[in-house]
Protein backbone atom coordinates (compact mmCIF):
# COMPACT_ATOMS: atom_id res chain seq x y z
CA MET A 1 101.27 109.08 137.13
CA SER A 2 101.76 112.84 136.77
CA ALA A 3 104.38 112.87 139.54
CA LEU A 4 106.59 110.53 137.49
CA LEU A 5 106.64 112.74 134.39
CA THR A 6 109.49 114.98 133.33
CA ASP A 7 108.84 118.72 133.06
CA GLU A 8 108.78 118.35 129.27
CA GLN A 9 106.26 115.49 129.37
CA ARG A 10 104.08 117.43 131.79
CA ALA A 11 104.07 120.38 129.39
CA TYR A 12 102.98 118.13 126.48
CA GLN A 13 100.30 116.61 128.69
CA ASP A 14 98.97 120.03 129.68
CA VAL A 15 98.69 121.13 126.04
CA ALA A 16 96.99 117.88 125.00
CA GLN A 17 94.58 117.91 127.95
CA ARG A 18 93.57 121.51 127.29
CA PHE A 19 93.01 120.76 123.62
CA ALA A 20 90.97 117.65 124.49
CA ARG A 21 88.86 119.50 127.03
CA GLU A 22 88.20 122.64 124.99
CA ARG A 23 88.22 121.45 121.37
CA LEU A 24 87.46 117.73 121.35
CA ALA A 25 85.12 116.71 124.17
CA PRO A 26 82.29 119.16 123.37
CA ALA A 27 81.91 117.79 119.82
CA TYR A 28 82.70 114.11 120.44
CA MET A 29 79.13 112.95 119.79
CA ARG A 30 78.60 115.36 116.90
CA ARG A 31 81.58 113.91 115.03
CA GLU A 32 79.83 110.55 114.99
CA THR A 33 76.95 112.15 113.08
CA GLU A 34 79.34 113.93 110.73
CA ALA A 35 81.27 110.65 110.25
CA THR A 36 84.56 112.43 109.65
CA ILE A 37 87.46 114.13 111.41
CA SER A 38 87.80 117.75 110.32
CA ARG A 39 91.03 118.52 108.49
CA ALA A 40 91.13 121.91 110.20
CA LEU A 41 91.10 120.09 113.55
CA VAL A 42 93.92 117.79 112.42
CA ARG A 43 96.00 120.78 111.32
CA GLU A 44 95.39 122.40 114.69
CA MET A 45 96.71 119.27 116.38
CA GLY A 46 99.78 119.45 114.16
CA GLU A 47 100.42 123.06 115.08
CA LEU A 48 100.30 122.13 118.78
CA GLY A 49 102.83 119.31 118.31
CA LEU A 50 100.31 116.57 119.11
CA ILE A 51 101.04 114.44 116.02
CA GLY A 52 104.20 112.38 115.61
CA ALA A 53 105.93 113.69 118.72
CA ASP A 54 108.23 110.65 118.64
CA LEU A 55 109.30 111.17 115.02
CA PRO A 56 112.70 112.68 114.13
CA GLU A 57 113.17 116.42 114.46
CA ARG A 58 114.51 116.68 110.90
CA TYR A 59 110.99 115.90 109.67
CA GLY A 60 109.23 118.25 112.09
CA GLY A 61 108.74 115.83 114.99
CA LEU A 62 109.95 116.35 118.53
CA GLY A 63 112.20 113.30 118.79
CA ALA A 64 110.37 112.47 122.02
CA PRO A 65 110.35 109.07 123.77
CA SER A 66 107.58 106.57 123.14
CA ALA A 67 106.16 107.25 126.60
CA THR A 68 105.62 110.90 125.63
CA THR A 69 103.57 109.81 122.64
CA GLY A 70 101.51 107.65 125.01
CA ILE A 71 100.90 110.64 127.28
CA ILE A 72 99.65 112.71 124.35
CA ILE A 73 97.44 109.96 122.93
CA GLU A 74 95.90 109.22 126.32
CA ALA A 75 95.10 112.91 126.84
CA VAL A 76 93.59 113.28 123.36
CA ALA A 77 91.53 110.07 123.68
CA TYR A 78 90.00 111.33 126.92
CA GLY A 79 88.32 114.08 124.88
CA ASP A 80 87.65 112.06 121.72
CA PHE A 81 88.62 108.42 121.33
CA ASN A 82 88.35 108.60 117.55
CA VAL A 83 90.52 111.68 117.06
CA SER A 84 93.30 109.92 118.98
CA TYR A 85 93.63 107.58 115.99
CA VAL A 86 95.32 110.46 114.14
CA PRO A 87 98.45 110.61 116.33
CA LEU A 88 98.41 106.82 116.82
CA LEU A 89 98.47 106.06 113.09
CA ALA A 90 100.99 108.83 112.52
CA SER A 91 103.40 107.33 115.05
CA LEU A 92 102.89 103.71 114.00
CA ASN A 93 103.30 104.38 110.29
CA GLY A 94 105.68 107.29 110.72
CA GLN A 95 108.21 105.10 112.49
CA ILE A 96 108.11 102.64 109.59
CA VAL A 97 108.53 105.42 107.04
CA ALA A 98 111.29 107.20 108.99
CA ARG A 99 113.32 104.00 109.31
CA HIS A 100 112.77 102.38 105.94
CA ALA A 101 111.82 104.98 103.30
CA SER A 102 114.31 106.81 101.12
CA PRO A 103 115.28 110.26 102.48
CA ASP A 104 113.37 111.98 99.65
CA LEU A 105 110.20 109.98 100.24
CA ALA A 106 110.31 110.42 104.03
CA GLY A 107 111.16 114.09 103.57
CA TYR A 108 108.06 114.62 101.44
CA TRP A 109 105.45 112.78 103.50
CA LEU A 110 106.50 112.94 107.15
CA PRO A 111 106.43 116.75 107.51
CA ARG A 112 102.92 116.74 106.02
CA ILE A 113 101.76 114.03 108.40
CA ILE A 114 103.31 115.68 111.47
CA SER A 115 101.86 119.09 110.58
CA GLY A 116 98.39 117.62 110.08
CA GLU A 117 98.31 118.36 106.36
CA ALA A 118 98.05 114.66 105.49
CA LEU A 119 96.51 111.55 107.06
CA ILE A 120 98.17 108.14 106.82
CA ALA A 121 96.64 104.65 107.05
CA LEU A 122 98.00 101.14 107.55
CA ALA A 123 96.76 98.80 104.82
CA LEU A 124 97.49 95.26 105.99
CA THR A 125 94.25 93.31 106.53
CA GLU A 126 92.55 91.51 103.65
CA PRO A 127 89.14 89.84 103.31
CA ARG A 128 90.44 86.30 103.69
CA GLY A 129 93.33 87.03 106.04
CA GLY A 130 92.05 88.59 109.24
CA SER A 131 94.50 87.78 112.02
CA ASP A 132 96.64 85.71 109.63
CA ALA A 133 98.65 88.78 108.67
CA ALA A 134 101.20 86.87 106.59
CA ASN A 135 98.52 85.31 104.38
CA LEU A 136 98.27 88.20 101.89
CA ALA A 137 96.81 87.97 98.40
CA LEU A 138 97.29 91.56 97.20
CA SER A 139 99.97 91.21 94.56
CA ALA A 140 102.74 93.63 93.64
CA LYS A 141 104.36 92.56 90.37
CA ARG A 142 107.57 94.27 89.29
CA ASP A 143 107.30 96.04 85.93
CA GLY A 144 110.44 98.02 85.22
CA ASP A 145 110.73 100.83 87.75
CA HIS A 146 107.20 100.26 89.09
CA TYR A 147 105.22 97.70 91.06
CA VAL A 148 101.72 96.92 89.76
CA LEU A 149 99.25 96.35 92.59
CA ARG A 150 96.16 94.18 92.17
CA GLY A 151 93.75 93.17 94.91
CA GLU A 152 91.89 94.45 97.95
CA LYS A 153 92.64 95.60 101.46
CA SER A 154 89.75 95.37 103.91
CA SER A 155 88.87 96.63 107.40
CA ILE A 156 91.25 99.57 107.04
CA SER A 157 90.85 102.45 109.50
CA MET A 158 90.52 105.81 107.73
CA ALA A 159 90.32 104.00 104.40
CA ASP A 160 88.37 106.81 102.74
CA GLN A 161 90.10 109.72 104.55
CA ALA A 162 93.80 108.86 104.24
CA ASP A 163 96.05 110.68 101.78
CA VAL A 164 98.71 107.96 101.83
CA ALA A 165 98.97 104.41 103.18
CA VAL A 166 101.64 101.92 104.12
CA VAL A 167 100.50 98.99 101.98
CA PHE A 168 101.70 95.41 102.43
CA ALA A 169 101.68 93.30 99.29
CA ARG A 170 102.99 89.98 98.06
CA THR A 171 106.07 90.32 95.87
CA GLY A 172 107.39 86.78 96.38
CA GLY A 173 106.38 83.30 97.39
CA PRO A 174 104.02 82.24 100.19
CA GLY A 175 104.45 83.22 103.81
CA ALA A 176 105.91 86.21 105.59
CA LYS A 177 109.11 86.34 103.53
CA GLY A 178 107.15 87.18 100.39
CA VAL A 179 105.61 90.38 101.84
CA THR A 180 106.87 93.83 100.91
CA ALA A 181 105.81 97.26 102.19
CA LEU A 182 105.11 100.21 99.89
CA LEU A 183 104.16 103.80 100.67
CA VAL A 184 101.23 104.43 98.33
CA PRO A 185 99.57 107.82 97.69
CA MET A 186 95.81 107.29 97.70
CA ASP A 187 95.21 109.49 94.63
CA LEU A 188 96.99 107.14 92.19
CA PRO A 189 94.94 105.95 89.19
CA GLY A 190 93.23 102.61 89.79
CA ILE A 191 92.53 103.11 93.50
CA SER A 192 88.94 103.10 94.77
CA ARG A 193 87.65 103.08 98.32
CA THR A 194 84.51 102.19 100.26
CA ARG A 195 83.30 102.73 103.82
CA PHE A 196 81.61 100.12 106.02
CA ASN A 197 78.48 100.82 108.07
CA ASP A 198 79.99 100.06 111.48
CA LEU A 199 78.57 100.01 114.99
CA GLY A 200 81.08 102.56 116.27
CA SER A 201 84.11 104.74 115.48
CA LYS A 202 82.16 106.34 112.65
CA ALA A 203 84.34 109.47 112.69
CA VAL A 204 87.37 107.31 111.85
CA GLY A 205 85.60 105.08 109.38
CA ARG A 206 86.62 101.60 108.27
CA GLY A 207 86.47 100.25 104.77
CA SER A 208 88.10 98.60 101.78
CA ILE A 209 90.75 99.87 99.39
CA PHE A 210 90.76 98.35 95.89
CA PHE A 211 93.86 98.33 93.70
CA ASP A 212 93.18 97.83 90.00
CA ASP A 213 96.57 97.70 88.24
CA VAL A 214 97.89 100.56 90.35
CA ARG A 215 101.41 101.54 89.36
CA VAL A 216 103.62 102.46 92.33
CA PRO A 217 107.23 103.59 91.77
CA VAL A 218 109.88 101.24 93.11
CA SER A 219 111.26 104.29 94.93
CA HIS A 220 108.19 104.05 97.19
CA ARG A 221 109.26 100.68 98.55
CA LEU A 222 110.02 100.62 102.29
CA ALA A 223 113.32 98.76 102.82
CA ASP A 224 114.06 95.62 100.80
CA GLU A 225 111.65 93.22 99.18
CA GLY A 226 110.37 90.60 101.59
CA MET A 227 110.95 92.72 104.70
CA GLY A 228 107.43 94.12 105.04
CA PHE A 229 106.09 91.58 107.51
CA VAL A 230 109.02 92.12 109.89
CA GLN A 231 108.41 95.88 109.80
CA VAL A 232 104.73 95.69 110.65
CA MET A 233 105.20 93.17 113.45
CA GLN A 234 107.77 95.45 115.09
CA GLY A 235 105.36 98.36 114.73
CA PHE A 236 102.49 96.45 116.34
CA ASP A 237 104.44 96.09 119.58
CA TYR A 238 104.39 99.89 119.74
CA SER A 239 100.81 100.51 118.65
CA ARG A 240 99.36 97.89 121.01
CA ALA A 241 100.61 99.81 124.04
CA LEU A 242 99.22 103.04 122.59
CA ILE A 243 95.86 101.35 121.95
CA GLY A 244 95.78 100.29 125.60
CA LEU A 245 96.13 103.94 126.61
CA GLN A 246 93.36 104.97 124.22
CA CYS A 247 91.10 102.50 126.02
CA CYS A 248 92.18 103.66 129.49
CA ALA A 249 91.40 107.26 128.57
CA ILE A 250 87.89 106.66 127.26
CA ALA A 251 87.03 104.51 130.29
CA GLN A 252 88.46 107.14 132.64
CA ALA A 253 86.23 109.77 131.06
CA SER A 254 83.15 107.70 131.86
CA LEU A 255 84.41 107.00 135.38
CA ASP A 256 84.97 110.68 136.10
CA GLU A 257 81.48 111.55 134.88
CA SER A 258 79.99 108.73 136.96
CA TRP A 259 81.66 109.86 140.18
CA ALA A 260 80.29 113.35 139.61
CA TYR A 261 76.83 111.96 138.85
CA ILE A 262 76.49 109.81 141.98
CA THR A 263 77.39 112.73 144.27
CA GLU A 264 74.56 114.77 142.75
CA ARG A 265 71.88 112.12 142.19
CA GLN A 266 69.52 111.88 145.14
CA ALA A 267 67.59 108.78 146.24
CA PHE A 268 65.78 108.24 149.52
CA GLY A 269 66.82 111.70 150.65
CA ALA A 270 70.60 111.41 150.13
CA PRO A 271 73.19 111.20 147.34
CA ILE A 272 73.47 107.67 145.96
CA ALA A 273 77.23 107.88 146.55
CA GLN A 274 76.52 106.75 150.13
CA TYR A 275 75.68 103.24 148.89
CA GLN A 276 78.47 100.70 148.51
CA GLY A 277 76.53 98.96 145.77
CA VAL A 278 76.95 102.15 143.73
CA THR A 279 80.51 103.12 144.64
CA PHE A 280 82.23 99.72 144.74
CA PRO A 281 81.85 98.97 140.99
CA LEU A 282 83.32 102.38 140.18
CA ALA A 283 86.15 101.86 142.66
CA GLU A 284 86.91 98.52 141.02
CA GLY A 285 86.95 100.23 137.64
CA GLU A 286 89.43 102.81 138.91
CA GLY A 287 91.76 100.06 140.10
CA LEU A 288 91.54 98.06 136.89
CA ILE A 289 92.12 101.06 134.64
CA ALA A 290 95.06 102.22 136.78
CA ALA A 291 96.63 98.76 136.46
CA VAL A 292 96.24 98.64 132.67
CA ARG A 293 97.58 102.20 132.39
CA GLN A 294 100.72 101.28 134.34
CA LEU A 295 101.21 98.20 132.15
CA CYS A 296 101.00 100.35 129.02
CA TYR A 297 103.56 102.88 130.23
CA HIS A 298 105.82 100.07 131.46
CA THR A 299 105.67 98.62 127.93
CA LEU A 300 106.52 101.97 126.33
CA ARG A 301 109.45 102.46 128.69
CA LEU A 302 110.73 99.00 127.81
CA ARG A 303 110.57 100.06 124.17
CA ASP A 304 112.44 103.27 124.91
CA ALA A 305 115.11 101.19 126.66
CA ASP A 306 115.34 98.92 123.59
CA ALA A 307 114.25 95.97 125.76
CA ALA A 308 111.97 93.10 124.74
CA HIS A 309 108.31 94.04 125.12
CA THR A 310 106.32 91.84 122.73
CA ALA A 311 104.49 89.95 125.48
CA GLU A 312 103.78 93.12 127.44
CA ALA A 313 102.42 94.83 124.32
CA ALA A 314 100.08 91.90 123.66
CA MET A 315 98.85 92.13 127.26
CA CYS A 316 98.06 95.83 126.72
CA LYS A 317 96.07 95.05 123.60
CA TRP A 318 94.14 92.23 125.27
CA LEU A 319 93.45 93.87 128.63
CA GLY A 320 92.92 97.45 127.43
CA PRO A 321 89.79 97.00 125.30
CA LYS A 322 88.28 94.29 127.53
CA THR A 323 88.70 96.35 130.69
CA ALA A 324 87.43 99.53 129.06
CA VAL A 325 84.31 97.78 127.74
CA ASP A 326 83.52 96.38 131.20
CA VAL A 327 84.13 99.69 132.97
CA ILE A 328 82.16 101.84 130.52
CA HIS A 329 79.30 99.35 130.64
CA GLN A 330 79.21 99.69 134.42
CA CYS A 331 79.28 103.50 134.13
CA LEU A 332 76.33 103.36 131.74
CA LEU A 333 74.40 101.24 134.26
CA THR A 334 75.35 103.58 137.08
CA HIS A 335 73.53 106.38 135.27
CA GLY A 336 70.35 104.29 135.26
CA HIS A 337 67.79 105.19 132.63
CA TYR A 338 69.83 108.30 131.75
CA GLY A 339 72.71 106.04 130.77
CA TRP A 340 70.47 104.16 128.36
CA SER A 341 69.81 107.41 126.52
CA LEU A 342 71.61 108.41 123.34
CA ASP A 343 71.95 111.85 124.88
CA LEU A 344 74.85 110.74 127.08
CA PRO A 345 78.24 109.65 125.66
CA HIS A 346 78.63 106.33 127.50
CA GLN A 347 76.81 104.37 124.80
CA GLN A 348 79.01 105.86 122.08
CA ARG A 349 82.18 105.23 124.06
CA LEU A 350 81.09 101.62 124.56
CA ARG A 351 80.47 101.16 120.83
CA ASP A 352 83.69 102.91 119.86
CA VAL A 353 85.98 100.91 122.14
CA MET A 354 84.34 97.56 121.35
CA GLY A 355 85.86 97.68 117.88
CA LEU A 356 89.32 97.28 119.38
CA GLU A 357 88.32 93.93 120.85
CA ILE A 358 88.52 92.82 117.20
CA GLY A 359 90.76 95.20 115.27
CA ASP A 360 94.56 95.10 115.52
CA GLY A 361 94.45 91.58 116.94
CA THR A 362 91.79 89.77 118.95
CA ALA A 363 92.19 88.75 122.59
CA GLN A 364 92.76 85.15 121.48
CA ILE A 365 95.67 86.18 119.24
CA MET A 366 97.15 88.35 122.00
CA LYS A 367 97.01 85.45 124.46
CA MET A 368 98.74 83.22 121.91
CA ILE A 369 101.53 85.79 121.62
CA VAL A 370 101.94 85.98 125.40
CA ALA A 371 102.00 82.19 125.65
CA ARG A 372 104.53 81.90 122.82
CA GLU A 373 106.79 84.51 124.39
CA ARG A 374 106.63 82.89 127.82
CA ALA A 375 107.07 79.34 126.54
CA GLY A 376 109.98 80.50 124.44
CA ARG A 377 111.68 82.09 127.44
CA LEU A 378 111.08 78.98 129.52
CA SER A 379 112.64 76.84 126.77
CA VAL A 380 115.73 79.05 126.71
CA GLN A 381 116.01 78.93 130.51
CA HIS A 382 115.74 75.13 130.42
CA LEU A 383 118.49 74.89 127.81
CA ASN A 384 120.72 77.20 129.85
CA ARG A 385 120.28 74.97 132.91
CA SER A 386 121.03 71.78 130.95
C-alpha cells in the first residue's frame, strides 16, 4: 500500500503512525478505565493536522483527498481504535457542515473542530428507529426565528463528550422528506445527556441526548428544510469506508503482535511458528485484512473521482467489522491462556470492534444496500438492451 502513496500522503502517514505508536498505543487500555478521550490529546492531534484533513483550507483543513483521511484514520486506529473516532466524526460531520452550513456558522465551528478545540457528534439514531433512519420522532417546530426541539436521540457516540452535534429532526410530514438537519451546540438550555454501560469503546462512550424544548436558531439549519436525510445518507457512504479502515487497523495490530509472539514462544523445544496449525490462521487473517483494506481505499478513490460508491461503501461496513472480529478472535486464541488475560489488549480490541457490527448499520442492512444497488444496475442494463 505504501508504494502507491504520494509523497504528501506518505508524510501524513508517517506523522500519524509516529503519534499512534508513541502517544496512543501505550495508553490504549488505560483509556478504557478512564472512559474518556483527553482534550489535551485531541488538541495535540489537531496541531499535527490529524483531524479534518479533507476539510477546506479556509477553515484550517488541508483540503486533502478522501484517501488521505483514510490513511490518517487507519494509522491512528492502529494505536487506539477509539481515538480514531475523533477524526472520523470530524470528517463525516465536517463535510456536512462545510457544504450546507452558512459561512458564519461553518467559520465558527469548523476551525475549532479541526484544531481539536471542539468535538462533534452525529445525532441520528432514536430509541424506536434503529436502522430505520428516516423514521424519526424528534420534532423541530418552527417558532419565529428558532426551531424548538423535543424528543430523544439514542445510541449516540460521544454523546456526553461532544460540544456540538449534527442533529436530524422532523420538521415536516412522515418519511425522509420531513427530516431536517441542524447544528446544535450541546450547552443549550434544555439539553441533558446520559452514558450507557457498554461492553466496549468505553473511551468514546455511547448514550442518549434529551431535548426538552430546546431553542435552536434557524440560522443553525444545514441546507433547506427536508434535506437532512439526503445529507446523512451521502455522508454514510464516506464514513463506511473509513470505518472499514478502523477495523483493518485494529486487526492488523493484533496480527503483528501475534506474529512476534509465535516466533518467541517455545513448545517442544522450538518456536511455535514452525507449526502450520499456528501460522496458517494468521496468514489467512493477513490475506483477509489486506483484501478489506484494498476495498476501502478503492471506495475512497471512487469518492474522490466523484464516481458511484454506495455499494462498495456498504461492503466495507459489512466486511470490515466481521473480518476484524474473526481475526482478532484468532489472535487471542493464538496467545493461549495469555490471550484470555485482561492484561493483553486483544480482548479489548475484540470488544471495541464488535460494536461496529451493530452501529452505523448492521451487516443485514449493508447487504440489502448492496443488493439494491446491484439489482438497480441490472434493471437499468436490461432497459438499455430492450
